[in-house]
Protein backbone atom coordinates (compact mmCIF):
# COMPACT_ATOMS: atom_id res chain seq x y z
CA UNK A 1 117.75 114.05 70.71
CA UNK A 2 117.95 111.25 68.12
CA UNK A 3 117.84 107.62 69.38
CA UNK A 4 116.95 104.06 68.40
CA UNK A 5 115.02 101.79 70.76
CA UNK A 6 115.52 98.18 71.70
CA UNK A 7 112.81 96.56 73.78
CA UNK A 8 113.66 93.28 75.38
CA UNK A 9 110.63 90.80 75.43
CA UNK A 10 112.19 87.51 75.38
CA UNK A 11 112.48 86.01 78.79
CA UNK A 12 110.98 82.76 79.88
CA UNK A 13 108.54 84.30 82.49
CA UNK A 14 109.33 80.94 84.65
CA UNK A 15 108.14 82.68 87.81
CA UNK A 16 104.80 83.55 85.89
CA UNK A 17 104.09 80.19 84.65
CA UNK A 18 105.29 80.97 81.23
CA UNK A 19 102.99 83.82 80.68
CA UNK A 20 104.62 86.35 78.52
CA UNK A 21 105.26 89.51 80.52
CA UNK A 22 104.82 91.54 77.28
CA UNK A 23 101.11 90.46 77.14
CA UNK A 24 100.28 91.46 80.71
CA UNK A 25 97.94 94.38 81.22
CA UNK A 26 98.56 97.55 83.15
CA UNK A 27 95.78 100.31 82.99
CA UNK A 28 94.19 98.72 79.93
CA UNK A 29 97.31 98.47 77.77
CA UNK A 30 99.84 95.61 77.36
CA UNK A 31 103.23 95.96 78.92
CA UNK A 32 104.69 95.66 75.31
CA UNK A 33 102.27 98.54 74.17
CA UNK A 34 103.35 100.63 77.21
CA UNK A 35 107.04 99.99 76.56
CA UNK A 36 106.61 101.06 72.79
CA UNK A 37 104.72 104.32 73.87
CA UNK A 38 107.66 104.91 76.38
CA UNK A 39 109.95 104.73 73.41
CA UNK A 40 107.97 107.09 71.20
CA UNK A 41 110.25 109.41 69.05
CA UNK A 42 112.72 106.62 68.49
CA UNK A 43 113.99 106.78 64.76
CA UNK A 44 113.83 103.01 64.62
CA UNK A 45 112.61 100.38 67.07
CA UNK A 46 113.04 96.84 67.41
CA UNK A 47 111.22 94.20 69.76
CA UNK A 48 113.52 91.29 70.71
CA UNK A 49 111.55 88.19 71.64
CA UNK A 50 108.97 85.81 70.45
CA UNK A 51 106.42 86.61 67.92
CA UNK A 52 104.76 89.71 69.58
CA UNK A 53 101.80 89.69 67.18
CA UNK A 54 100.64 92.92 65.59
CA UNK A 55 102.94 95.86 65.91
CA UNK A 56 102.82 99.57 64.97
CA UNK A 57 103.96 100.14 61.32
CA UNK A 58 107.79 100.14 61.03
CA UNK A 59 108.61 98.45 64.39
CA UNK A 60 111.21 95.72 63.80
CA UNK A 61 111.25 92.25 65.46
CA UNK A 62 113.93 89.88 65.86
CA UNK A 63 115.04 86.90 68.22
CA UNK A 64 118.32 86.34 70.08
CA UNK A 65 120.10 83.06 69.21
CA UNK A 66 119.69 80.54 70.82
CA UNK A 67 116.22 81.52 72.23
CA UNK A 68 116.17 82.32 75.90
CA UNK A 69 119.83 83.20 75.70
CA UNK A 70 119.47 86.09 78.09
CA UNK A 71 119.43 89.85 77.93
CA UNK A 72 123.08 90.22 76.81
CA UNK A 73 122.51 87.94 73.79
CA UNK A 74 119.12 89.95 73.09
CA UNK A 75 120.79 93.26 73.05
CA UNK A 76 123.39 91.99 70.68
CA UNK A 77 120.52 90.55 68.30
CA UNK A 78 118.60 93.88 68.49
CA UNK A 79 121.82 95.95 67.76
CA UNK A 80 122.33 93.72 64.75
CA UNK A 81 118.76 94.12 63.56
CA UNK A 82 118.92 97.91 63.94
CA UNK A 83 122.20 97.89 62.00
CA UNK A 84 120.72 95.85 59.14
CA UNK A 85 117.73 98.13 59.02
CA UNK A 86 119.61 101.71 59.50
CA UNK A 87 123.14 100.94 58.62
CA UNK A 88 125.25 104.28 58.62
CA UNK A 89 122.03 106.09 59.73
CA UNK A 90 122.09 104.41 63.27
CA UNK A 91 121.61 106.97 66.00
CA UNK A 92 124.24 107.89 68.41
CA UNK A 93 122.19 106.66 71.19
CA UNK A 94 120.23 103.47 71.86
CA UNK A 95 117.46 103.17 74.41
CA UNK A 96 117.46 99.73 76.08
CA UNK A 97 114.12 99.01 77.66
CA UNK A 98 112.73 95.77 79.23
CA UNK A 99 109.02 95.22 78.71
CA UNK A 100 107.96 94.28 82.31
CA UNK A 101 108.04 97.75 83.73
CA UNK A 102 104.52 99.26 83.81
CA UNK A 103 105.64 102.81 84.54
CA UNK A 104 108.66 102.93 82.36
CA UNK A 105 107.61 105.96 80.61
CA UNK A 106 108.49 108.02 83.94
CA UNK A 107 112.05 106.41 83.75
CA UNK A 108 112.65 107.24 80.07
CA UNK A 109 111.38 110.98 80.46
CA UNK A 110 113.72 111.35 83.44
CA UNK A 111 116.72 109.98 81.45
CA UNK A 112 115.78 112.06 78.51
CA UNK A 113 115.65 115.05 80.70
CA UNK A 114 119.05 114.22 82.13
CA UNK A 115 120.48 113.92 78.74
CA UNK A 116 118.94 117.29 77.67
CA UNK A 117 120.32 119.09 80.46
CA UNK A 118 123.86 118.16 79.66
CA UNK A 119 124.40 118.16 75.89
CA UNK A 120 127.69 116.53 76.09
CA UNK A 121 126.08 113.25 77.49
CA UNK A 122 123.72 113.22 74.54
CA UNK A 123 126.62 113.14 72.10
CA UNK A 124 129.77 112.00 73.67
CA UNK A 125 129.07 109.89 76.89
CA UNK A 126 128.67 106.20 76.89
CA UNK A 127 125.08 106.47 78.56
CA UNK A 128 122.74 107.06 81.36
CA UNK A 129 121.05 104.19 83.56
CA UNK A 130 117.98 104.62 85.53
CA UNK A 131 118.54 104.13 89.44
CA UNK A 132 115.70 104.06 91.79
CA UNK A 133 115.43 106.57 94.67
CA UNK A 134 116.67 103.83 97.08
CA UNK A 135 119.76 103.20 94.87
CA UNK A 136 118.62 100.10 92.82
CA UNK A 137 120.05 100.23 89.51
CA UNK A 138 117.97 99.15 86.35
CA UNK A 139 120.39 98.59 83.37
CA UNK A 140 117.42 97.64 81.08
CA UNK A 141 116.10 101.40 81.39
CA UNK A 142 118.86 103.36 79.89
CA UNK A 143 120.33 105.28 76.93
CA UNK A 144 123.59 104.10 75.78
CA UNK A 145 126.11 105.09 73.14
CA UNK A 146 125.46 102.88 70.29
CA UNK A 147 129.18 102.49 69.16
CA UNK A 148 130.13 101.93 72.84
CA UNK A 149 127.26 99.08 73.17
CA UNK A 150 128.57 97.51 69.93
CA UNK A 151 132.17 97.49 71.33
CA UNK A 152 131.20 96.05 74.51
CA UNK A 153 129.04 93.33 72.66
CA UNK A 154 132.00 92.43 70.43
CA UNK A 155 134.51 92.18 73.55
CA UNK A 156 132.15 89.86 75.27
CA UNK A 157 131.53 87.89 72.50
CA UNK A 158 135.18 87.25 71.89
CA UNK A 159 136.03 86.91 75.62
CA UNK A 160 133.35 84.36 76.76
CA UNK A 161 130.25 84.73 74.81
CA UNK A 162 126.98 86.30 75.16
CA UNK A 163 124.70 83.27 76.00
CA UNK A 164 123.76 83.30 79.79
CA UNK A 165 125.74 86.59 80.34
CA UNK A 166 124.76 89.14 82.80
CA UNK A 167 123.74 92.43 81.45
CA UNK A 168 125.70 94.18 84.23
CA UNK A 169 128.80 92.47 82.94
CA UNK A 170 128.13 93.67 79.51
CA UNK A 171 127.37 97.33 80.47
CA UNK A 172 130.27 97.28 83.00
CA UNK A 173 132.47 97.91 80.01
CA UNK A 174 130.71 101.35 79.60
CA UNK A 175 131.31 104.55 81.26
CA UNK A 176 127.67 105.12 82.36
CA UNK A 177 126.12 107.77 84.44
CA UNK A 178 123.38 106.78 86.91
CA UNK A 179 120.20 109.00 86.92
CA UNK A 180 117.80 108.94 89.70
CA UNK A 181 114.09 108.33 88.21
CA UNK A 182 110.88 108.68 90.04
CA UNK A 183 109.95 106.10 92.63
CA UNK A 184 108.26 103.12 91.07
CA UNK A 185 109.28 104.04 87.47
CA UNK A 186 111.44 100.95 87.35
CA UNK A 187 109.46 98.57 89.25
CA UNK A 188 109.09 95.38 87.39
CA UNK A 189 107.00 92.28 87.09
CA UNK A 190 108.85 88.96 87.99
CA UNK A 191 106.15 87.19 90.03
CA UNK A 192 102.33 87.07 90.30
CA UNK A 193 102.89 88.88 93.72
CA UNK A 194 104.86 91.69 92.00
CA UNK A 195 101.92 91.86 89.26
CA UNK A 196 99.26 92.16 92.03
CA UNK A 197 101.30 94.88 93.93
CA UNK A 198 101.71 96.94 90.63
CA UNK A 199 98.15 96.44 89.44
CA UNK A 200 99.24 94.18 86.66
CA UNK A 201 96.89 91.43 85.36
CA UNK A 202 96.41 88.84 82.59
CA UNK A 203 94.70 89.79 79.47
CA UNK A 204 90.95 89.50 79.78
CA UNK A 205 91.07 89.31 83.58
């Protein structure tokens, strides 16, 4: 299954005192490194956010405009970066992944398994989104049809703009199937209490 990957790493981390989530550590690796590992196999990958430092060869970077404009704007920036890099070679599916889920690899694996089980979804559907066993949807862990995503971005840009827009509002324009992923796979870090509960820490601590 060919896909491109878009990793969102550009939030303010206001409830973490401004400490970038991407540089927090879980099990000896940064959350950004874990997100990159979870998206292994992507034909092309872009990290959207502030300068992430050293990245594996070939990984692209870009920034939403204006900075901190929110996930919908970050998705638009990432899609534009992938389009500039890949053009007509763009994959039919794009993985969107927030970099604040230490066990995101489990969610990605479950989504890939669901797509592999139903070949129509891999080629024709508008996407699959992770949902926890207790029913919480996580739109920033999903595979979405690239053409459908670009259409949704274009429609939102014309109807009210992307800055500050909800990612749920953006993806509501798509016909997306919810896929239940393992418990804890989409648990994310918003506060230091979250970090403690998930075993996530600052670098060097």
